[in-house]
Amino acid sequence: MIKFKELPFNIENVYLTSDTHYSHRNICRSTSTWEAPQNKGCRNFDSLEKMNQTIVKGINDTVGKDDLLIHCGDWSFGKVENIVKFRESINCENIILLQGNHDHHLSQDYVDTGYFWEFTQIGFYQIESLKFVCCHYPMPIWHQSHHNVPLFYGHVHGSYSNVGKSLDVGIDNVFKMKGEYRPIALREAYDICSRKEAFLESHHNEFVT
């Protein structure tokens, strides 16, 4: 059985986000070259700089320096330097990054240099009594999903409602829910998932390990 990694933080000091797409010109309405229907998902900012500032402010106003931010992928766009520029603009010292489909410039080197705690494809975490799974992509079934363990994911930018106890924690979906581009607290995300029905597949149910 996969072991859940215990993280040394209080539940109230952990936050989730995804798909910041820092410096992604095509996701910003004022600089995008996308045409309909693709441009329907553009963020309504007057400049790329304003979008970047809003993303950074949303993180820094929500997440404290000693908190933990779990980012479910698609960190930044453009030059490799934007990876570091974005990271150094964030006050939080503790960031776990799950690899997104656009994170091809990122590697373990950024963990070794101290920018991230961990860089991985999928995370199985436990904080106090709460177990949860993090990944860039949504999925219908994941490890211990039939035991009410939630999945937090990104990638879909608020365009998809997954089955089971899962939640899109990307900033575009949080904007749809809260009207702000910012991370969501682990406690709140967990509470949202707790009100959903688990998807019990094949022979698995809440009584099967």
N, C-alpha and C. Protein backbone atom coordinates (compact mmCIF):
# COMPACT_ATOMS: atom_id res chain seq x y z
N MET A 1 0.84 -1.20 0.00
CA MET A 1 0.00 0.00 0.00
C MET A 1 0.88 1.25 0.00
N ILE A 2 0.49 2.24 -0.77
CA ILE A 2 1.25 3.49 -0.83
C ILE A 2 1.17 4.20 0.51
N LYS A 3 2.31 4.64 0.99
CA LYS A 3 2.36 5.35 2.27
C LYS A 3 2.15 6.85 2.04
N PHE A 4 1.32 7.45 2.86
CA PHE A 4 1.10 8.89 2.80
C PHE A 4 2.22 9.60 3.57
N LYS A 5 2.83 10.58 2.94
CA LYS A 5 3.93 11.30 3.55
C LYS A 5 3.38 12.32 4.56
N GLU A 6 3.83 12.23 5.79
CA GLU A 6 3.39 13.18 6.82
C GLU A 6 4.16 14.48 6.67
N LEU A 7 3.42 15.57 6.59
CA LEU A 7 4.02 16.90 6.43
C LEU A 7 3.94 17.64 7.77
N PRO A 8 5.03 18.27 8.19
CA PRO A 8 5.10 18.88 9.52
C PRO A 8 4.47 20.27 9.60
N PHE A 9 3.18 20.35 9.29
CA PHE A 9 2.47 21.62 9.32
C PHE A 9 1.12 21.42 9.98
N ASN A 10 0.56 22.48 10.51
CA ASN A 10 -0.82 22.46 10.99
C ASN A 10 -1.77 22.58 9.81
N ILE A 11 -2.92 21.98 9.95
CA ILE A 11 -3.91 22.01 8.88
C ILE A 11 -4.24 23.45 8.48
N GLU A 12 -4.32 24.33 9.47
CA GLU A 12 -4.73 25.71 9.20
C GLU A 12 -3.66 26.52 8.48
N ASN A 13 -2.48 25.96 8.30
CA ASN A 13 -1.38 26.70 7.68
C ASN A 13 -0.97 26.11 6.33
N VAL A 14 -1.91 25.41 5.68
CA VAL A 14 -1.61 24.79 4.39
C VAL A 14 -2.61 25.29 3.34
N TYR A 15 -2.08 25.61 2.16
CA TYR A 15 -2.89 26.17 1.09
C TYR A 15 -2.60 25.44 -0.22
N LEU A 16 -3.57 25.47 -1.11
CA LEU A 16 -3.49 24.77 -2.39
C LEU A 16 -3.73 25.73 -3.54
N THR A 17 -3.01 25.52 -4.64
CA THR A 17 -3.24 26.32 -5.84
C THR A 17 -2.78 25.52 -7.05
N SER A 18 -3.02 26.05 -8.22
CA SER A 18 -2.57 25.41 -9.46
C SER A 18 -2.74 26.37 -10.62
N ASP A 19 -2.03 26.09 -11.70
CA ASP A 19 -2.23 26.76 -12.98
C ASP A 19 -2.12 28.28 -12.88
N THR A 20 -1.09 28.72 -12.19
CA THR A 20 -0.84 30.16 -12.14
C THR A 20 -0.45 30.70 -13.51
N HIS A 21 0.26 29.91 -14.31
CA HIS A 21 0.64 30.33 -15.66
C HIS A 21 1.29 31.73 -15.64
N TYR A 22 2.19 31.95 -14.72
CA TYR A 22 2.86 33.24 -14.60
C TYR A 22 3.52 33.61 -15.93
N SER A 23 3.23 34.82 -16.40
CA SER A 23 3.78 35.37 -17.66
C SER A 23 3.30 34.65 -18.92
N HIS A 24 2.17 33.98 -18.83
CA HIS A 24 1.61 33.34 -20.02
C HIS A 24 0.79 34.37 -20.80
N ARG A 25 1.33 34.84 -21.91
CA ARG A 25 0.69 35.91 -22.66
C ARG A 25 -0.67 35.52 -23.23
N ASN A 26 -0.81 34.28 -23.66
CA ASN A 26 -2.06 33.90 -24.32
C ASN A 26 -3.22 33.69 -23.36
N ILE A 27 -2.95 33.57 -22.09
CA ILE A 27 -4.05 33.41 -21.13
C ILE A 27 -4.51 34.78 -20.60
N CYS A 28 -3.78 35.83 -20.95
CA CYS A 28 -4.12 37.20 -20.55
C CYS A 28 -4.83 37.88 -21.73
N ARG A 29 -6.04 38.37 -21.49
CA ARG A 29 -6.88 38.85 -22.59
C ARG A 29 -6.21 39.97 -23.40
N SER A 30 -5.51 40.87 -22.76
CA SER A 30 -4.94 42.01 -23.47
C SER A 30 -3.76 41.65 -24.37
N THR A 31 -3.13 40.52 -24.12
CA THR A 31 -1.95 40.14 -24.91
C THR A 31 -2.14 38.84 -25.68
N SER A 32 -3.30 38.22 -25.55
CA SER A 32 -3.54 36.91 -26.17
C SER A 32 -3.71 37.01 -27.68
N THR A 33 -3.21 36.00 -28.37
CA THR A 33 -3.44 35.86 -29.81
C THR A 33 -4.47 34.77 -30.10
N TRP A 34 -5.03 34.21 -29.03
CA TRP A 34 -6.05 33.17 -29.20
C TRP A 34 -7.31 33.77 -29.80
N GLU A 35 -7.97 33.00 -30.63
CA GLU A 35 -9.25 33.39 -31.21
C GLU A 35 -10.34 32.50 -30.63
N ALA A 36 -11.58 32.90 -30.84
CA ALA A 36 -12.71 32.13 -30.33
C ALA A 36 -12.69 30.72 -30.93
N PRO A 37 -13.08 29.70 -30.17
CA PRO A 37 -13.62 29.76 -28.80
C PRO A 37 -12.55 29.68 -27.72
N GLN A 38 -11.28 29.52 -28.13
CA GLN A 38 -10.21 29.31 -27.16
C GLN A 38 -10.03 30.50 -26.23
N ASN A 39 -10.29 31.70 -26.73
CA ASN A 39 -10.06 32.90 -25.91
C ASN A 39 -11.13 33.12 -24.86
N LYS A 40 -12.15 32.26 -24.84
CA LYS A 40 -13.19 32.38 -23.82
C LYS A 40 -12.62 32.22 -22.42
N GLY A 41 -11.53 31.45 -22.28
CA GLY A 41 -10.93 31.20 -20.98
C GLY A 41 -9.86 32.19 -20.59
N CYS A 42 -9.69 33.27 -21.35
CA CYS A 42 -8.65 34.26 -21.02
C CYS A 42 -9.00 35.02 -19.75
N ARG A 43 -7.97 35.38 -19.00
CA ARG A 43 -8.15 36.20 -17.81
C ARG A 43 -8.26 37.66 -18.22
N ASN A 44 -9.19 38.36 -17.63
CA ASN A 44 -9.51 39.71 -18.09
C ASN A 44 -8.61 40.75 -17.43
N PHE A 45 -7.37 40.84 -17.93
CA PHE A 45 -6.41 41.84 -17.42
C PHE A 45 -5.97 42.75 -18.55
N ASP A 46 -5.68 44.01 -18.19
CA ASP A 46 -5.28 45.01 -19.17
C ASP A 46 -3.84 44.84 -19.64
N SER A 47 -3.05 44.10 -18.89
CA SER A 47 -1.66 43.88 -19.26
C SER A 47 -1.16 42.59 -18.62
N LEU A 48 -0.10 42.03 -19.18
CA LEU A 48 0.51 40.84 -18.61
C LEU A 48 1.10 41.16 -17.24
N GLU A 49 1.67 42.34 -17.11
CA GLU A 49 2.24 42.75 -15.83
C GLU A 49 1.18 42.79 -14.74
N LYS A 50 -0.01 43.31 -15.07
CA LYS A 50 -1.09 43.37 -14.09
C LYS A 50 -1.53 41.96 -13.69
N MET A 51 -1.59 41.04 -14.65
CA MET A 51 -1.95 39.67 -14.32
C MET A 51 -0.94 39.06 -13.37
N ASN A 52 0.34 39.23 -13.69
CA ASN A 52 1.40 38.67 -12.83
C ASN A 52 1.34 39.26 -11.43
N GLN A 53 1.14 40.56 -11.33
CA GLN A 53 1.06 41.22 -10.03
C GLN A 53 -0.12 40.70 -9.22
N THR A 54 -1.24 40.46 -9.88
CA THR A 54 -2.44 39.96 -9.20
C THR A 54 -2.21 38.54 -8.68
N ILE A 55 -1.56 37.71 -9.46
CA ILE A 55 -1.25 36.35 -9.04
C ILE A 55 -0.35 36.36 -7.81
N VAL A 56 0.70 37.15 -7.86
CA VAL A 56 1.64 37.22 -6.74
C VAL A 56 0.96 37.78 -5.49
N LYS A 57 0.18 38.85 -5.67
CA LYS A 57 -0.52 39.45 -4.53
C LYS A 57 -1.50 38.46 -3.91
N GLY A 58 -2.21 37.70 -4.75
CA GLY A 58 -3.16 36.73 -4.24
C GLY A 58 -2.51 35.68 -3.38
N ILE A 59 -1.30 35.28 -3.76
CA ILE A 59 -0.55 34.30 -2.95
C ILE A 59 -0.04 34.95 -1.67
N ASN A 60 0.62 36.09 -1.81
CA ASN A 60 1.25 36.72 -0.64
C ASN A 60 0.25 37.24 0.38
N ASP A 61 -0.94 37.62 -0.07
CA ASP A 61 -1.98 38.09 0.86
C ASP A 61 -2.67 36.94 1.57
N THR A 62 -2.52 35.73 1.03
CA THR A 62 -3.23 34.57 1.58
C THR A 62 -2.32 33.64 2.38
N VAL A 63 -1.12 33.43 1.87
CA VAL A 63 -0.21 32.43 2.43
C VAL A 63 0.92 33.12 3.19
N GLY A 64 1.13 32.72 4.44
CA GLY A 64 2.18 33.31 5.25
C GLY A 64 3.56 32.76 4.93
N LYS A 65 4.56 33.44 5.40
CA LYS A 65 5.96 33.07 5.14
C LYS A 65 6.26 31.65 5.60
N ASP A 66 5.74 31.25 6.75
CA ASP A 66 6.05 29.94 7.32
C ASP A 66 4.98 28.89 7.04
N ASP A 67 3.98 29.23 6.21
CA ASP A 67 2.95 28.29 5.82
C ASP A 67 3.49 27.34 4.75
N LEU A 68 2.64 26.42 4.30
CA LEU A 68 2.98 25.52 3.19
C LEU A 68 2.01 25.78 2.04
N LEU A 69 2.58 25.98 0.86
CA LEU A 69 1.79 26.13 -0.36
C LEU A 69 2.05 24.91 -1.25
N ILE A 70 0.99 24.19 -1.58
CA ILE A 70 1.08 23.06 -2.49
C ILE A 70 0.53 23.51 -3.84
N HIS A 71 1.39 23.50 -4.85
CA HIS A 71 1.04 24.00 -6.19
C HIS A 71 0.92 22.80 -7.12
N CYS A 72 -0.25 22.63 -7.72
CA CYS A 72 -0.54 21.45 -8.53
C CYS A 72 -0.19 21.61 -10.01
N GLY A 73 0.80 22.42 -10.32
CA GLY A 73 1.37 22.41 -11.65
C GLY A 73 1.02 23.59 -12.54
N ASP A 74 1.78 23.70 -13.65
CA ASP A 74 1.76 24.82 -14.59
C ASP A 74 2.13 26.11 -13.89
N TRP A 75 3.38 26.12 -13.46
CA TRP A 75 3.95 27.18 -12.64
C TRP A 75 4.08 28.50 -13.40
N SER A 76 4.83 28.48 -14.51
CA SER A 76 5.10 29.72 -15.24
C SER A 76 5.30 29.43 -16.72
N PHE A 77 5.37 30.50 -17.51
CA PHE A 77 5.56 30.39 -18.96
C PHE A 77 6.72 31.27 -19.40
N GLY A 78 7.09 31.11 -20.66
CA GLY A 78 8.12 31.97 -21.23
C GLY A 78 9.52 31.50 -20.88
N LYS A 79 10.37 32.45 -20.62
CA LYS A 79 11.77 32.16 -20.36
C LYS A 79 11.95 31.36 -19.07
N VAL A 80 13.03 30.59 -19.05
CA VAL A 80 13.36 29.82 -17.84
C VAL A 80 13.52 30.76 -16.65
N GLU A 81 13.97 31.98 -16.91
CA GLU A 81 14.17 32.95 -15.82
C GLU A 81 12.87 33.27 -15.10
N ASN A 82 11.73 33.08 -15.78
CA ASN A 82 10.45 33.37 -15.13
C ASN A 82 10.14 32.41 -14.00
N ILE A 83 10.72 31.20 -14.04
CA ILE A 83 10.55 30.25 -12.93
C ILE A 83 11.08 30.87 -11.65
N VAL A 84 12.30 31.38 -11.73
CA VAL A 84 12.95 31.98 -10.56
C VAL A 84 12.32 33.31 -10.20
N LYS A 85 11.99 34.12 -11.21
CA LYS A 85 11.38 35.43 -10.96
C LYS A 85 10.08 35.28 -10.18
N PHE A 86 9.25 34.34 -10.60
CA PHE A 86 7.99 34.09 -9.91
C PHE A 86 8.23 33.58 -8.50
N ARG A 87 9.15 32.61 -8.39
CA ARG A 87 9.42 32.02 -7.07
C ARG A 87 9.94 33.06 -6.10
N GLU A 88 10.82 33.92 -6.53
CA GLU A 88 11.42 34.92 -5.64
C GLU A 88 10.46 36.04 -5.29
N SER A 89 9.36 36.14 -5.99
CA SER A 89 8.34 37.16 -5.67
C SER A 89 7.36 36.65 -4.62
N ILE A 90 7.41 35.36 -4.31
CA ILE A 90 6.50 34.75 -3.34
C ILE A 90 7.16 34.70 -1.97
N ASN A 91 6.46 35.20 -0.96
CA ASN A 91 7.03 35.27 0.39
C ASN A 91 7.11 33.92 1.08
N CYS A 92 6.18 33.03 0.78
CA CYS A 92 6.14 31.72 1.43
C CYS A 92 7.44 30.96 1.17
N GLU A 93 8.03 30.42 2.23
CA GLU A 93 9.30 29.72 2.10
C GLU A 93 9.13 28.24 1.78
N ASN A 94 7.92 27.72 1.90
CA ASN A 94 7.71 26.27 1.76
C ASN A 94 6.71 25.98 0.65
N ILE A 95 7.21 25.51 -0.48
CA ILE A 95 6.35 25.23 -1.63
C ILE A 95 6.64 23.83 -2.16
N ILE A 96 5.58 23.04 -2.30
CA ILE A 96 5.64 21.76 -2.99
C ILE A 96 5.04 21.97 -4.38
N LEU A 97 5.73 21.49 -5.41
CA LEU A 97 5.24 21.65 -6.78
C LEU A 97 5.02 20.30 -7.42
N LEU A 98 3.77 20.08 -7.89
CA LEU A 98 3.44 18.91 -8.68
C LEU A 98 3.62 19.27 -10.14
N GLN A 99 4.25 18.41 -10.89
CA GLN A 99 4.59 18.75 -12.28
C GLN A 99 3.37 18.81 -13.17
N GLY A 100 3.22 19.95 -13.85
CA GLY A 100 2.15 20.12 -14.83
C GLY A 100 2.66 19.89 -16.24
N ASN A 101 1.76 19.85 -17.21
CA ASN A 101 2.16 19.58 -18.59
C ASN A 101 3.01 20.69 -19.18
N HIS A 102 2.99 21.88 -18.60
CA HIS A 102 3.81 22.98 -19.11
C HIS A 102 5.09 23.20 -18.29
N ASP A 103 5.37 22.31 -17.35
CA ASP A 103 6.53 22.49 -16.46
C ASP A 103 7.76 21.73 -16.96
N HIS A 104 7.96 21.71 -18.28
CA HIS A 104 9.06 20.94 -18.84
C HIS A 104 10.44 21.55 -18.54
N HIS A 105 10.48 22.83 -18.17
CA HIS A 105 11.76 23.45 -17.83
C HIS A 105 12.15 23.20 -16.37
N LEU A 106 11.24 22.67 -15.58
CA LEU A 106 11.50 22.44 -14.16
C LEU A 106 12.07 21.05 -13.93
N SER A 107 12.85 20.92 -12.86
CA SER A 107 13.49 19.65 -12.56
C SER A 107 13.82 19.59 -11.07
N GLN A 108 14.41 18.49 -10.65
CA GLN A 108 14.87 18.30 -9.28
C GLN A 108 15.88 19.36 -8.87
N ASP A 109 16.55 19.95 -9.85
CA ASP A 109 17.56 20.99 -9.53
C ASP A 109 16.96 22.13 -8.72
N TYR A 110 15.68 22.43 -8.95
CA TYR A 110 15.05 23.53 -8.23
C TYR A 110 14.74 23.16 -6.79
N VAL A 111 14.67 21.87 -6.50
CA VAL A 111 14.56 21.39 -5.12
C VAL A 111 15.93 21.47 -4.47
N ASP A 112 16.94 21.02 -5.19
CA ASP A 112 18.31 21.01 -4.65
C ASP A 112 18.81 22.41 -4.31
N THR A 113 18.35 23.41 -5.03
CA THR A 113 18.76 24.79 -4.77
C THR A 113 17.86 25.50 -3.76
N GLY A 114 16.82 24.79 -3.27
CA GLY A 114 15.99 25.33 -2.20
C GLY A 114 14.76 26.09 -2.63
N TYR A 115 14.46 26.12 -3.91
CA TYR A 115 13.28 26.85 -4.36
C TYR A 115 11.99 26.11 -4.00
N PHE A 116 12.04 24.78 -4.03
CA PHE A 116 10.87 23.97 -3.71
C PHE A 116 11.24 22.88 -2.72
N TRP A 117 10.27 22.50 -1.90
CA TRP A 117 10.44 21.36 -0.99
C TRP A 117 10.50 20.06 -1.76
N GLU A 118 9.61 19.96 -2.76
CA GLU A 118 9.47 18.72 -3.51
C GLU A 118 8.95 19.04 -4.89
N PHE A 119 9.41 18.26 -5.87
CA PHE A 119 8.93 18.39 -7.25
C PHE A 119 8.65 16.97 -7.73
N THR A 120 7.36 16.66 -7.96
CA THR A 120 6.99 15.28 -8.25
C THR A 120 5.74 15.25 -9.12
N GLN A 121 5.41 14.06 -9.64
CA GLN A 121 4.24 13.91 -10.50
C GLN A 121 2.94 13.84 -9.69
N ILE A 122 2.99 13.14 -8.57
CA ILE A 122 1.81 12.96 -7.75
C ILE A 122 2.24 12.88 -6.29
N GLY A 123 1.46 13.48 -5.41
CA GLY A 123 1.81 13.49 -3.99
C GLY A 123 0.74 12.84 -3.14
N PHE A 124 1.17 12.01 -2.22
CA PHE A 124 0.28 11.37 -1.25
C PHE A 124 0.65 11.91 0.12
N TYR A 125 -0.17 12.79 0.67
CA TYR A 125 0.22 13.55 1.85
C TYR A 125 -0.75 13.33 3.01
N GLN A 126 -0.22 13.54 4.20
CA GLN A 126 -1.04 13.52 5.41
C GLN A 126 -0.60 14.67 6.29
N ILE A 127 -1.57 15.44 6.76
CA ILE A 127 -1.31 16.52 7.72
C ILE A 127 -2.27 16.31 8.89
N GLU A 128 -1.69 16.07 10.05
CA GLU A 128 -2.47 15.66 11.21
C GLU A 128 -3.30 14.43 10.82
N SER A 129 -4.61 14.48 10.95
CA SER A 129 -5.43 13.30 10.62
C SER A 129 -5.91 13.28 9.17
N LEU A 130 -5.60 14.32 8.40
CA LEU A 130 -6.13 14.43 7.04
C LEU A 130 -5.17 13.84 6.02
N LYS A 131 -5.68 12.89 5.22
CA LYS A 131 -4.94 12.35 4.09
C LYS A 131 -5.52 12.94 2.81
N PHE A 132 -4.65 13.21 1.84
CA PHE A 132 -5.13 13.74 0.57
C PHE A 132 -4.09 13.47 -0.52
N VAL A 133 -4.55 13.50 -1.75
CA VAL A 133 -3.71 13.27 -2.91
C VAL A 133 -3.70 14.53 -3.76
N CYS A 134 -2.53 14.85 -4.32
CA CYS A 134 -2.39 16.01 -5.20
C CYS A 134 -1.77 15.58 -6.52
N CYS A 135 -2.32 16.11 -7.60
CA CYS A 135 -1.83 15.79 -8.94
C CYS A 135 -2.24 16.94 -9.86
N HIS A 136 -1.53 17.08 -10.99
CA HIS A 136 -1.93 18.13 -11.92
C HIS A 136 -3.25 17.82 -12.60
N TYR A 137 -3.49 16.54 -12.85
CA TYR A 137 -4.65 16.15 -13.66
C TYR A 137 -5.80 15.58 -12.82
N PRO A 138 -7.04 15.82 -13.25
CA PRO A 138 -8.19 15.17 -12.60
C PRO A 138 -8.23 13.70 -12.99
N MET A 139 -8.84 12.89 -12.16
CA MET A 139 -9.03 11.47 -12.46
C MET A 139 -10.23 10.96 -11.68
N PRO A 140 -10.89 9.92 -12.16
CA PRO A 140 -12.07 9.43 -11.46
C PRO A 140 -11.74 8.55 -10.25
N ILE A 141 -10.56 7.92 -10.27
CA ILE A 141 -10.17 7.00 -9.21
C ILE A 141 -8.72 7.26 -8.84
N TRP A 142 -8.41 7.29 -7.57
CA TRP A 142 -7.04 7.47 -7.09
C TRP A 142 -6.87 6.67 -5.82
N HIS A 143 -5.66 6.62 -5.32
CA HIS A 143 -5.36 5.81 -4.14
C HIS A 143 -6.23 6.21 -2.95
N GLN A 144 -6.98 5.26 -2.43
CA GLN A 144 -7.87 5.41 -1.29
C GLN A 144 -9.01 6.41 -1.53
N SER A 145 -9.37 6.61 -2.78
CA SER A 145 -10.53 7.47 -3.05
C SER A 145 -11.80 6.86 -2.47
N HIS A 146 -11.85 5.52 -2.38
CA HIS A 146 -13.02 4.85 -1.81
C HIS A 146 -13.02 4.92 -0.28
N HIS A 147 -11.93 5.45 0.30
CA HIS A 147 -11.87 5.67 1.75
C HIS A 147 -12.00 7.16 2.09
N ASN A 148 -12.63 7.90 1.19
CA ASN A 148 -12.93 9.33 1.41
C ASN A 148 -11.68 10.21 1.44
N VAL A 149 -10.59 9.73 0.84
CA VAL A 149 -9.39 10.56 0.69
C VAL A 149 -9.59 11.45 -0.54
N PRO A 150 -9.55 12.77 -0.40
CA PRO A 150 -9.82 13.65 -1.54
C PRO A 150 -8.62 13.80 -2.48
N LEU A 151 -8.92 14.20 -3.70
CA LEU A 151 -7.91 14.55 -4.70
C LEU A 151 -8.01 16.03 -5.00
N PHE A 152 -6.86 16.72 -5.00
CA PHE A 152 -6.80 18.12 -5.39
C PHE A 152 -5.97 18.22 -6.67
N TYR A 153 -6.52 18.88 -7.68
CA TYR A 153 -5.89 18.88 -9.00
C TYR A 153 -6.04 20.25 -9.66
N GLY A 154 -5.47 20.37 -10.87
CA GLY A 154 -5.57 21.60 -11.65
C GLY A 154 -5.89 21.27 -13.10
N HIS A 155 -5.14 21.89 -14.01
CA HIS A 155 -5.14 21.62 -15.44
C HIS A 155 -6.36 22.11 -16.20
N VAL A 156 -7.54 22.00 -15.62
CA VAL A 156 -8.78 22.21 -16.38
C VAL A 156 -9.34 23.63 -16.27
N HIS A 157 -8.75 24.48 -15.42
CA HIS A 157 -9.12 25.90 -15.35
C HIS A 157 -10.61 26.11 -15.10
N GLY A 158 -11.17 25.29 -14.22
CA GLY A 158 -12.57 25.48 -13.84
C GLY A 158 -13.58 24.99 -14.84
N SER A 159 -13.15 24.20 -15.84
CA SER A 159 -14.05 23.79 -16.92
C SER A 159 -14.60 22.38 -16.75
N TYR A 160 -14.27 21.72 -15.62
CA TYR A 160 -14.62 20.31 -15.48
C TYR A 160 -14.95 19.99 -14.03
N SER A 161 -16.04 19.28 -13.83
CA SER A 161 -16.41 18.82 -12.49
C SER A 161 -16.18 17.32 -12.41
N ASN A 162 -15.19 16.92 -11.64
CA ASN A 162 -14.83 15.52 -11.56
C ASN A 162 -15.80 14.76 -10.65
N VAL A 163 -15.84 13.43 -10.83
CA VAL A 163 -16.63 12.60 -9.94
C VAL A 163 -15.88 12.40 -8.64
N GLY A 164 -16.60 12.00 -7.62
CA GLY A 164 -15.97 11.67 -6.35
C GLY A 164 -15.56 12.90 -5.55
N LYS A 165 -14.79 12.63 -4.52
CA LYS A 165 -14.37 13.68 -3.59
C LYS A 165 -13.08 14.33 -4.10
N SER A 166 -13.25 15.22 -5.07
CA SER A 166 -12.10 15.89 -5.67
C SER A 166 -12.45 17.34 -5.94
N LEU A 167 -11.40 18.15 -6.14
CA LEU A 167 -11.62 19.58 -6.35
C LEU A 167 -10.52 20.18 -7.20
N ASP A 168 -10.92 20.97 -8.19
CA ASP A 168 -10.01 21.79 -8.98
C ASP A 168 -9.57 22.98 -8.12
N VAL A 169 -8.28 23.01 -7.74
CA VAL A 169 -7.77 24.08 -6.87
C VAL A 169 -7.03 25.15 -7.67
N GLY A 170 -7.14 25.11 -9.00
CA GLY A 170 -6.50 26.12 -9.83
C GLY A 170 -7.06 27.51 -9.58
N ILE A 171 -6.25 28.53 -9.84
CA ILE A 171 -6.68 29.90 -9.51
C ILE A 171 -7.88 30.34 -10.34
N ASP A 172 -8.07 29.78 -11.52
CA ASP A 172 -9.24 30.17 -12.32
C ASP A 172 -10.52 29.60 -11.72
N ASN A 173 -10.44 28.40 -11.16
CA ASN A 173 -11.63 27.85 -10.51
C ASN A 173 -11.91 28.55 -9.18
N VAL A 174 -10.86 28.88 -8.44
CA VAL A 174 -11.05 29.65 -7.20
C VAL A 174 -11.65 31.01 -7.53
N PHE A 175 -11.22 31.61 -8.65
CA PHE A 175 -11.82 32.89 -9.07
C PHE A 175 -13.31 32.72 -9.35
N LYS A 176 -13.68 31.60 -9.98
CA LYS A 176 -15.11 31.34 -10.24
C LYS A 176 -15.89 31.19 -8.94
N MET A 177 -15.26 30.57 -7.93
CA MET A 177 -15.95 30.33 -6.66
C MET A 177 -15.93 31.55 -5.75
N LYS A 178 -14.80 32.29 -5.73
CA LYS A 178 -14.58 33.33 -4.72
C LYS A 178 -14.39 34.74 -5.29
N GLY A 179 -14.20 34.85 -6.60
CA GLY A 179 -14.00 36.16 -7.20
C GLY A 179 -12.61 36.72 -6.99
N GLU A 180 -11.65 35.86 -6.63
CA GLU A 180 -10.27 36.29 -6.39
C GLU A 180 -9.30 35.26 -6.96
N TYR A 181 -8.21 35.75 -7.54
CA TYR A 181 -7.14 34.86 -8.00
C TYR A 181 -6.20 34.61 -6.83
N ARG A 182 -6.41 33.51 -6.15
CA ARG A 182 -5.63 33.21 -4.94
C ARG A 182 -5.69 31.73 -4.62
N PRO A 183 -4.81 31.25 -3.74
CA PRO A 183 -4.90 29.87 -3.28
C PRO A 183 -6.14 29.66 -2.41
N ILE A 184 -6.47 28.40 -2.20
CA ILE A 184 -7.56 28.02 -1.31
C ILE A 184 -6.98 27.26 -0.12
N ALA A 185 -7.51 27.49 1.05
CA ALA A 185 -7.02 26.82 2.25
C ALA A 185 -7.31 25.32 2.16
N LEU A 186 -6.38 24.52 2.65
CA LEU A 186 -6.59 23.08 2.69
C LEU A 186 -7.87 22.73 3.44
N ARG A 187 -8.10 23.37 4.57
CA ARG A 187 -9.29 23.09 5.37
C ARG A 187 -10.56 23.32 4.56
N GLU A 188 -10.62 24.43 3.83
CA GLU A 188 -11.81 24.73 3.04
C GLU A 188 -11.98 23.73 1.89
N ALA A 189 -10.88 23.42 1.21
CA ALA A 189 -10.93 22.46 0.11
C ALA A 189 -11.38 21.09 0.61
N TYR A 190 -10.85 20.70 1.76
CA TYR A 190 -11.20 19.41 2.35
C TYR A 190 -12.68 19.38 2.73
N ASP A 191 -13.19 20.48 3.28
CA ASP A 191 -14.60 20.55 3.66
C ASP A 191 -15.52 20.47 2.44
N ILE A 192 -15.12 21.11 1.33
CA ILE A 192 -15.91 21.04 0.10
C ILE A 192 -16.00 19.59 -0.38
N CYS A 193 -14.86 18.90 -0.36
CA CYS A 193 -14.83 17.50 -0.81
C CYS A 193 -15.61 16.59 0.12
N SER A 194 -15.62 16.91 1.41
CA SER A 194 -16.30 16.05 2.37
C SER A 194 -17.81 16.01 2.14
N ARG A 195 -18.35 17.01 1.46
CA ARG A 195 -19.78 17.05 1.17
C ARG A 195 -20.15 16.32 -0.12
N LYS A 196 -19.14 15.79 -0.82
CA LYS A 196 -19.37 15.06 -2.06
C LYS A 196 -19.42 13.55 -1.78
N GLU A 197 -20.06 12.82 -2.69
CA GLU A 197 -20.12 11.38 -2.57
C GLU A 197 -18.88 10.75 -3.19
N ALA A 198 -18.31 9.77 -2.49
CA ALA A 198 -17.18 9.03 -3.05
C ALA A 198 -17.66 8.18 -4.22
N PHE A 199 -16.80 8.03 -5.22
CA PHE A 199 -17.11 7.17 -6.36
C PHE A 199 -16.58 5.78 -6.02
N LEU A 200 -17.48 4.83 -5.77
CA LEU A 200 -17.10 3.48 -5.35
C LEU A 200 -17.12 2.55 -6.55
N GLU A 201 -15.93 2.17 -7.01
CA GLU A 201 -15.77 1.44 -8.26
C GLU A 201 -15.57 -0.06 -8.04
N SER A 202 -16.07 -0.86 -8.93
CA SER A 202 -15.89 -2.31 -8.97
C SER A 202 -16.03 -2.95 -7.59
N HIS A 203 -15.03 -3.73 -7.17
CA HIS A 203 -15.12 -4.43 -5.88
C HIS A 203 -14.74 -3.54 -4.71
N HIS A 204 -14.24 -2.33 -4.98
CA HIS A 204 -13.80 -1.45 -3.91
C HIS A 204 -15.00 -0.73 -3.28
N ASN A 205 -14.98 -0.64 -1.97
CA ASN A 205 -15.92 0.20 -1.27
C ASN A 205 -15.27 0.64 0.03
N GLU A 206 -16.02 1.31 0.86
CA GLU A 206 -15.42 1.89 2.06
C GLU A 206 -14.94 0.84 3.05
N PHE A 207 -15.27 -0.44 2.79
CA PHE A 207 -14.86 -1.51 3.70
C PHE A 207 -13.66 -2.31 3.18
N VAL A 208 -13.24 -2.00 1.95
CA VAL A 208 -12.14 -2.74 1.32
C VAL A 208 -10.87 -1.89 1.36
N THR A 209 -9.75 -2.48 1.78
CA THR A 209 -8.49 -1.73 1.85
C THR A 209 -7.87 -1.61 0.48
